[in-house]
PDB file of N, CA and C in Angstrom:
ATOM      1  N   MET A   1     -68.351  62.336 -91.969  1.00  0.00           N
ATOM      2  CA  MET A   1     -68.976  61.895 -93.197  1.00  0.00           C
ATOM      3  C   MET A   1     -70.160  60.982 -92.926  1.00  0.00           C
ATOM      4  N   ASN A   2     -70.159  60.236 -91.841  1.00  0.00           N
ATOM      5  CA  ASN A   2     -71.242  59.307 -91.557  1.00  0.00           C
ATOM      6  C   ASN A   2     -72.413  60.039 -90.920  1.00  0.00           C
ATOM      7  N   ALA A   3     -73.513  60.145 -91.669  1.00  0.00           N
ATOM      8  CA  ALA A   3     -74.701  60.795 -91.138  1.00  0.00           C
ATOM      9  C   ALA A   3     -75.551  59.803 -90.358  1.00  0.00           C
ATOM     10  N   ASN A   4     -75.230  58.527 -90.449  1.00  0.00           N
ATOM     11  CA  ASN A   4     -76.004  57.502 -89.773  1.00  0.00           C
ATOM     12  C   ASN A   4     -75.451  57.286 -88.370  1.00  0.00           C
ATOM     13  N   THR A   5     -76.105  57.864 -87.394  1.00  0.00           N
ATOM     14  CA  THR A   5     -75.657  57.710 -86.010  1.00  0.00           C
ATOM     15  C   THR A   5     -76.320  56.512 -85.354  1.00  0.00           C
ATOM     16  N   ASN A   6     -77.007  55.694 -86.158  1.00  0.00           N
ATOM     17  CA  ASN A   6     -77.667  54.505 -85.633  1.00  0.00           C
ATOM     18  C   ASN A   6     -76.748  53.298 -85.593  1.00  0.00           C
ATOM     19  N   ILE A   7     -75.485  53.480 -86.002  1.00  0.00           N
ATOM     20  CA  ILE A   7     -74.533  52.375 -85.964  1.00  0.00           C
ATOM     21  C   ILE A   7     -73.265  52.797 -85.218  1.00  0.00           C
ATOM     22  N   PHE A   8     -72.550  51.788 -84.740  1.00  0.00           N
ATOM     23  CA  PHE A   8     -71.252  52.030 -84.116  1.00  0.00           C
ATOM     24  C   PHE A   8     -70.371  50.830 -84.416  1.00  0.00           C
ATOM     25  N   GLY A   9     -69.097  50.953 -84.127  1.00  0.00           N
ATOM     26  CA  GLY A   9     -68.166  49.862 -84.364  1.00  0.00           C
ATOM     27  C   GLY A   9     -67.587  49.337 -83.065  1.00  0.00           C
ATOM     28  N   ARG A  10     -67.225  48.050 -83.097  1.00  0.00           N
ATOM     29  CA  ARG A  10     -66.582  47.417 -81.946  1.00  0.00           C
ATOM     30  C   ARG A  10     -65.425  46.571 -82.475  1.00  0.00           C
ATOM     31  N   PHE A  11     -64.238  46.731 -81.874  1.00  0.00           N
ATOM     32  CA  PHE A  11     -63.095  45.914 -82.276  1.00  0.00           C
ATOM     33  C   PHE A  11     -63.378  44.448 -81.996  1.00  0.00           C
ATOM     34  N   ASP A  12     -62.964  43.590 -82.928  1.00  0.00           N
ATOM     35  CA  ASP A  12     -63.030  42.153 -82.686  1.00  0.00           C
ATOM     36  C   ASP A  12     -61.626  41.637 -82.387  1.00  0.00           C
ATOM     37  N   GLU A  13     -61.498  40.352 -82.190  1.00  0.00           N
ATOM     38  CA  GLU A  13     -60.212  39.768 -81.799  1.00  0.00           C
ATOM     39  C   GLU A  13     -59.149  39.883 -82.883  1.00  0.00           C
ATOM     40  N   ASP A  14     -59.566  40.134 -84.130  1.00  0.00           N
ATOM     41  CA  ASP A  14     -58.614  40.280 -85.234  1.00  0.00           C
ATOM     42  C   ASP A  14     -58.155  41.724 -85.435  1.00  0.00           C
ATOM     43  N   GLY A  15     -58.694  42.651 -84.637  1.00  0.00           N
ATOM     44  CA  GLY A  15     -58.332  44.055 -84.789  1.00  0.00           C
ATOM     45  C   GLY A  15     -59.131  44.766 -85.867  1.00  0.00           C
ATOM     46  N   THR A  16     -60.165  44.114 -86.381  1.00  0.00           N
ATOM     47  CA  THR A  16     -61.061  44.751 -87.345  1.00  0.00           C
ATOM     48  C   THR A  16     -62.301  45.228 -86.598  1.00  0.00           C
ATOM     49  N   ILE A  17     -63.191  45.892 -87.313  1.00  0.00           N
ATOM     50  CA  ILE A  17     -64.334  46.547 -86.686  1.00  0.00           C
ATOM     51  C   ILE A  17     -65.639  45.873 -87.099  1.00  0.00           C
ATOM     52  N   MET A  18     -66.384  45.388 -86.124  1.00  0.00           N
ATOM     53  CA  MET A  18     -67.723  44.864 -86.363  1.00  0.00           C
ATOM     54  C   MET A  18     -68.691  46.040 -86.291  1.00  0.00           C
ATOM     55  N   LEU A  19     -69.575  46.140 -87.266  1.00  0.00           N
ATOM     56  CA  LEU A  19     -70.574  47.210 -87.254  1.00  0.00           C
ATOM     57  C   LEU A  19     -71.856  46.696 -86.609  1.00  0.00           C
ATOM     58  N   LEU A  20     -72.373  47.483 -85.658  1.00  0.00           N
ATOM     59  CA  LEU A  20     -73.544  47.090 -84.882  1.00  0.00           C
ATOM     60  C   LEU A  20     -74.560  48.218 -84.830  1.00  0.00           C
ATOM     61  N   HIS A  21     -75.835  47.851 -84.659  1.00  0.00           N
ATOM     62  CA  HIS A  21     -76.906  48.834 -84.504  1.00  0.00           C
ATOM     63  C   HIS A  21     -76.925  49.343 -83.068  1.00  0.00           C
ATOM     64  N   VAL A  22     -77.050  50.646 -82.893  1.00  0.00           N
ATOM     65  CA  VAL A  22     -77.086  51.265 -81.566  1.00  0.00           C
ATOM     66  C   VAL A  22     -78.288  50.761 -80.775  1.00  0.00           C
ATOM     67  N   GLU A  23     -79.436  50.635 -81.416  1.00  0.00           N
ATOM     68  CA  GLU A  23     -80.675  50.305 -80.718  1.00  0.00           C
ATOM     69  C   GLU A  23     -80.635  48.951 -80.013  1.00  0.00           C
ATOM     70  N   ASP A  24     -80.082  47.937 -80.697  1.00  0.00           N
ATOM     71  CA  ASP A  24     -80.194  46.589 -80.151  1.00  0.00           C
ATOM     72  C   ASP A  24     -78.892  45.787 -80.160  1.00  0.00           C
ATOM     73  N   GLY A  25     -77.818  46.351 -80.697  1.00  0.00           N
ATOM     74  CA  GLY A  25     -76.536  45.664 -80.722  1.00  0.00           C
ATOM     75  C   GLY A  25     -76.422  44.570 -81.768  1.00  0.00           C
ATOM     76  N   HIS A  26     -77.444  44.422 -82.611  1.00  0.00           N
ATOM     77  CA  HIS A  26     -77.380  43.424 -83.676  1.00  0.00           C
ATOM     78  C   HIS A  26     -76.435  43.884 -84.784  1.00  0.00           C
ATOM     79  N   ALA A  27     -75.904  42.917 -85.507  1.00  0.00           N
ATOM     80  CA  ALA A  27     -74.967  43.202 -86.587  1.00  0.00           C
ATOM     81  C   ALA A  27     -75.634  43.982 -87.715  1.00  0.00           C
ATOM     82  N   VAL A  28     -74.893  44.933 -88.259  1.00  0.00           N
ATOM     83  CA  VAL A  28     -75.325  45.653 -89.453  1.00  0.00           C
ATOM     84  C   VAL A  28     -75.068  44.737 -90.642  1.00  0.00           C
ATOM     85  N   THR A  29     -76.076  44.553 -91.482  1.00  0.00           N
ATOM     86  CA  THR A  29     -75.934  43.650 -92.618  1.00  0.00           C
ATOM     87  C   THR A  29     -75.902  44.374 -93.963  1.00  0.00           C
ATOM     88  N   ARG A  30     -76.197  45.664 -93.952  1.00  0.00           N
ATOM     89  CA  ARG A  30     -76.131  46.474 -95.173  1.00  0.00           C
ATOM     90  C   ARG A  30     -75.877  47.912 -94.759  1.00  0.00           C
ATOM     91  N   LEU A  31     -75.027  48.604 -95.524  1.00  0.00           N
ATOM     92  CA  LEU A  31     -74.683  49.981 -95.213  1.00  0.00           C
ATOM     93  C   LEU A  31     -74.520  50.742 -96.515  1.00  0.00           C
ATOM     94  N   ASP A  32     -75.176  51.875 -96.624  1.00  0.00           N
ATOM     95  CA  ASP A  32     -75.102  52.694 -97.828  1.00  0.00           C
ATOM     96  C   ASP A  32     -73.825  53.534 -97.781  1.00  0.00           C
ATOM     97  N   ALA A  33     -72.716  52.886 -98.145  1.00  0.00           N
ATOM     98  CA  ALA A  33     -71.406  53.552 -98.112  1.00  0.00           C
ATOM     99  C   ALA A  33     -70.480  52.893 -99.124  1.00  0.00           C
ATOM    100  N   ASP A  34     -69.502  53.642 -99.586  1.00  0.00           N
ATOM    101  CA  ASP A  34     -68.496  53.114-100.510  1.00  0.00           C
ATOM    102  C   ASP A  34     -67.409  52.414 -99.705  1.00  0.00           C
ATOM    103  N   CYS A  35     -67.632  51.141 -99.441  1.00  0.00           N
ATOM    104  CA  CYS A  35     -66.725  50.387 -98.596  1.00  0.00           C
ATOM    105  C   CYS A  35     -66.927  48.901 -98.878  1.00  0.00           C
ATOM    106  N   TYR A  36     -65.866  48.128 -98.693  1.00  0.00           N
ATOM    107  CA  TYR A  36     -65.939  46.679 -98.854  1.00  0.00           C
ATOM    108  C   TYR A  36     -65.598  46.021 -97.525  1.00  0.00           C
ATOM    109  N   PRO A  37     -66.452  45.095 -97.051  1.00  0.00           N
ATOM    110  CA  PRO A  37     -66.121  44.375 -95.832  1.00  0.00           C
ATOM    111  C   PRO A  37     -64.841  43.562 -96.003  1.00  0.00           C
ATOM    112  N   VAL A  38     -64.160  43.316 -94.911  1.00  0.00           N
ATOM    113  CA  VAL A  38     -62.948  42.506 -94.920  1.00  0.00           C
ATOM    114  C   VAL A  38     -63.279  41.139 -95.524  1.00  0.00           C
ATOM    115  N   GLY A  39     -62.502  40.721 -96.517  1.00  0.00           N
ATOM    116  CA  GLY A  39     -62.657  39.408 -97.128  1.00  0.00           C
ATOM    117  C   GLY A  39     -63.812  39.259 -98.086  1.00  0.00           C
ATOM    118  N   SER A  40     -64.446  40.361 -98.486  1.00  0.00           N
ATOM    119  CA  SER A  40     -65.587  40.275 -99.391  1.00  0.00           C
ATOM    120  C   SER A  40     -65.318  41.065-100.669  1.00  0.00           C
ATOM    121  N   ASN A  41     -65.861  40.571-101.773  1.00  0.00           N
ATOM    122  CA  ASN A  41     -65.766  41.322-103.018  1.00  0.00           C
ATOM    123  C   ASN A  41     -67.080  42.037-103.331  1.00  0.00           C
ATOM    124  N   LEU A  42     -68.028  42.016-102.383  1.00  0.00           N
ATOM    125  CA  LEU A  42     -69.283  42.749-102.509  1.00  0.00           C
ATOM    126  C   LEU A  42     -69.262  43.930-101.549  1.00  0.00           C
ATOM    127  N   SER A  43     -69.649  45.085-102.025  1.00  0.00           N
ATOM    128  CA  SER A  43     -69.620  46.280-101.178  1.00  0.00           C
ATOM    129  C   SER A  43     -70.629  46.168-100.046  1.00  0.00           C
ATOM    130  N   THR A  44     -70.550  47.110 -99.129  1.00  0.00           N
ATOM    131  CA  THR A  44     -71.479  47.140 -97.998  1.00  0.00           C
ATOM    132  C   THR A  44     -72.894  47.487 -98.441  1.00  0.00           C
ATOM    133  N   ARG A  45     -73.051  47.908 -99.678  1.00  0.00           N
ATOM    134  CA  ARG A  45     -74.391  48.197-100.202  1.00  0.00           C
ATOM    135  C   ARG A  45     -75.187  46.914-100.467  1.00  0.00           C
ATOM    136  N   TRP A  46     -74.502  45.783-100.485  1.00  0.00           N
ATOM    137  CA  TRP A  46     -75.139  44.473-100.633  1.00  0.00           C
ATOM    138  C   TRP A  46     -75.406  43.884 -99.261  1.00  0.00           C
ATOM    139  N   GLU A  47     -76.355  42.979 -99.191  1.00  0.00           N
ATOM    140  CA  GLU A  47     -76.691  42.303 -97.936  1.00  0.00           C
ATOM    141  C   GLU A  47     -75.570  41.341 -97.538  1.00  0.00           C
ATOM    142  N   HIS A  48     -75.149  41.442 -96.283  1.00  0.00           N
ATOM    143  CA  HIS A  48     -74.137  40.551 -95.696  1.00  0.00           C
ATOM    144  C   HIS A  48     -74.770  39.925 -94.456  1.00  0.00           C
ATOM    145  N   PRO A  49     -75.462  38.797 -94.612  1.00  0.00           N
ATOM    146  CA  PRO A  49     -76.224  38.209 -93.492  1.00  0.00           C
ATOM    147  C   PRO A  49     -75.383  37.902 -92.254  1.00  0.00           C
ATOM    148  N   GLU A  50     -74.089  37.667 -92.443  1.00  0.00           N
ATOM    149  CA  GLU A  50     -73.215  37.361 -91.306  1.00  0.00           C
ATOM    150  C   GLU A  50     -72.763  38.620 -90.573  1.00  0.00           C
ATOM    151  N   GLY A  51     -73.089  39.784 -91.109  1.00  0.00           N
ATOM    152  CA  GLY A  51     -72.681  41.050 -90.525  1.00  0.00           C
ATOM    153  C   GLY A  51     -71.511  41.658 -91.292  1.00  0.00           C
ATOM    154  N   ILE A  52     -71.303  42.941 -91.094  1.00  0.00           N
ATOM    155  CA  ILE A  52     -70.260  43.668 -91.808  1.00  0.00           C
ATOM    156  C   ILE A  52     -69.086  43.929 -90.881  1.00  0.00           C
ATOM    157  N   ILE A  53     -67.903  43.551 -91.347  1.00  0.00           N
ATOM    158  CA  ILE A  53     -66.651  43.800 -90.627  1.00  0.00           C
ATOM    159  C   ILE A  53     -65.751  44.600 -91.557  1.00  0.00           C
ATOM    160  N   ILE A  54     -65.256  45.733 -91.057  1.00  0.00           N
ATOM    161  CA  ILE A  54     -64.411  46.605 -91.870  1.00  0.00           C
ATOM    162  C   ILE A  54     -63.103  46.892 -91.139  1.00  0.00           C
ATOM    163  N   THR A  55     -62.178  47.485 -91.865  1.00  0.00           N
ATOM    164  CA  THR A  55     -60.896  47.838 -91.259  1.00  0.00           C
ATOM    165  C   THR A  55     -61.052  49.104 -90.405  1.00  0.00           C
ATOM    166  N   PRO A  56     -60.168  49.306 -89.444  1.00  0.00           N
ATOM    167  CA  PRO A  56     -60.203  50.554 -88.667  1.00  0.00           C
ATOM    168  C   PRO A  56     -60.051  51.787 -89.564  1.00  0.00           C
ATOM    169  N   GLU A  57     -59.274  51.666 -90.627  1.00  0.00           N
ATOM    170  CA  GLU A  57     -59.084  52.794 -91.551  1.00  0.00           C
ATOM    171  C   GLU A  57     -60.397  53.142 -92.243  1.00  0.00           C
ATOM    172  N   ASP A  58     -61.142  52.126 -92.670  1.00  0.00           N
ATOM    173  CA  ASP A  58     -62.441  52.393 -93.301  1.00  0.00           C
ATOM    174  C   ASP A  58     -63.421  52.997 -92.299  1.00  0.00           C
ATOM    175  N   ALA A  59     -63.414  52.504 -91.074  1.00  0.00           N
ATOM    176  CA  ALA A  59     -64.297  53.060 -90.046  1.00  0.00           C
ATOM    177  C   ALA A  59     -63.997  54.544 -89.829  1.00  0.00           C
ATOM    178  N   ALA A  60     -62.716  54.891 -89.767  1.00  0.00           N
ATOM    179  CA  ALA A  60     -62.329  56.295 -89.588  1.00  0.00           C
ATOM    180  C   ALA A  60     -62.748  57.125 -90.792  1.00  0.00           C
ATOM    181  N   ARG A  61     -62.528  56.591 -91.994  1.00  0.00           N
ATOM    182  CA  ARG A  61     -62.892  57.313 -93.219  1.00  0.00           C
ATOM    183  C   ARG A  61     -64.396  57.563 -93.289  1.00  0.00           C
ATOM    184  N   LEU A  62     -65.184  56.605 -92.808  1.00  0.00           N
ATOM    185  CA  LEU A  62     -66.642  56.733 -92.833  1.00  0.00           C
ATOM    186  C   LEU A  62     -67.196  57.495 -91.638  1.00  0.00           C
ATOM    187  N   GLY A  63     -66.340  57.805 -90.673  1.00  0.00           N
ATOM    188  CA  GLY A  63     -66.767  58.554 -89.506  1.00  0.00           C
ATOM    189  C   GLY A  63     -67.614  57.749 -88.537  1.00  0.00           C
ATOM    190  N   ILE A  64     -67.376  56.449 -88.473  1.00  0.00           N
ATOM    191  CA  ILE A  64     -68.128  55.582 -87.584  1.00  0.00           C
ATOM    192  C   ILE A  64     -67.520  55.618 -86.187  1.00  0.00           C
ATOM    193  N   ALA A  65     -68.363  55.861 -85.202  1.00  0.00           N
ATOM    194  CA  ALA A  65     -67.912  55.899 -83.807  1.00  0.00           C
ATOM    195  C   ALA A  65     -67.502  54.486 -83.386  1.00  0.00           C
ATOM    196  N   ILE A  66     -66.367  54.384 -82.713  1.00  0.00           N
ATOM    197  CA  ILE A  66     -65.858  53.104 -82.234  1.00  0.00           C
ATOM    198  C   ILE A  66     -66.047  53.037 -80.724  1.00  0.00           C
ATOM    199  N   GLU A  67     -66.635  51.941 -80.269  1.00  0.00           N
ATOM    200  CA  GLU A  67     -66.838  51.732 -78.839  1.00  0.00           C
ATOM    201  C   GLU A  67     -65.475  51.650 -78.155  1.00  0.00           C
ATOM    202  N   SER A  68     -65.345  52.380 -77.052  1.00  0.00           N
ATOM    203  CA  SER A  68     -64.094  52.331 -76.293  1.00  0.00           C
ATOM    204  C   SER A  68     -64.277  51.414 -75.096  1.00  0.00           C
ATOM    205  N   ASP A  69     -63.162  50.883 -74.617  1.00  0.00           N
ATOM    206  CA  ASP A  69     -63.222  49.954 -73.472  1.00  0.00           C
ATOM    207  C   ASP A  69     -63.567  50.630 -72.199  1.00  0.00           C
TER     208      ASP A  69
END
């Protein structure tokens, strides 16, 4: 489902997924998808200056590639 191959996910210490840009590894702050970051009541379509963190289930649903160890 994810046509945007410019992003990937990385597990954080809480077991959630940080979204990062492939080009430079910087945090993704906005994503055109029907999803809510962990702990936020604003969807990913809004700007999240601290970066977007989602659940592994949302990452799978959106088809986001997860970095493996």
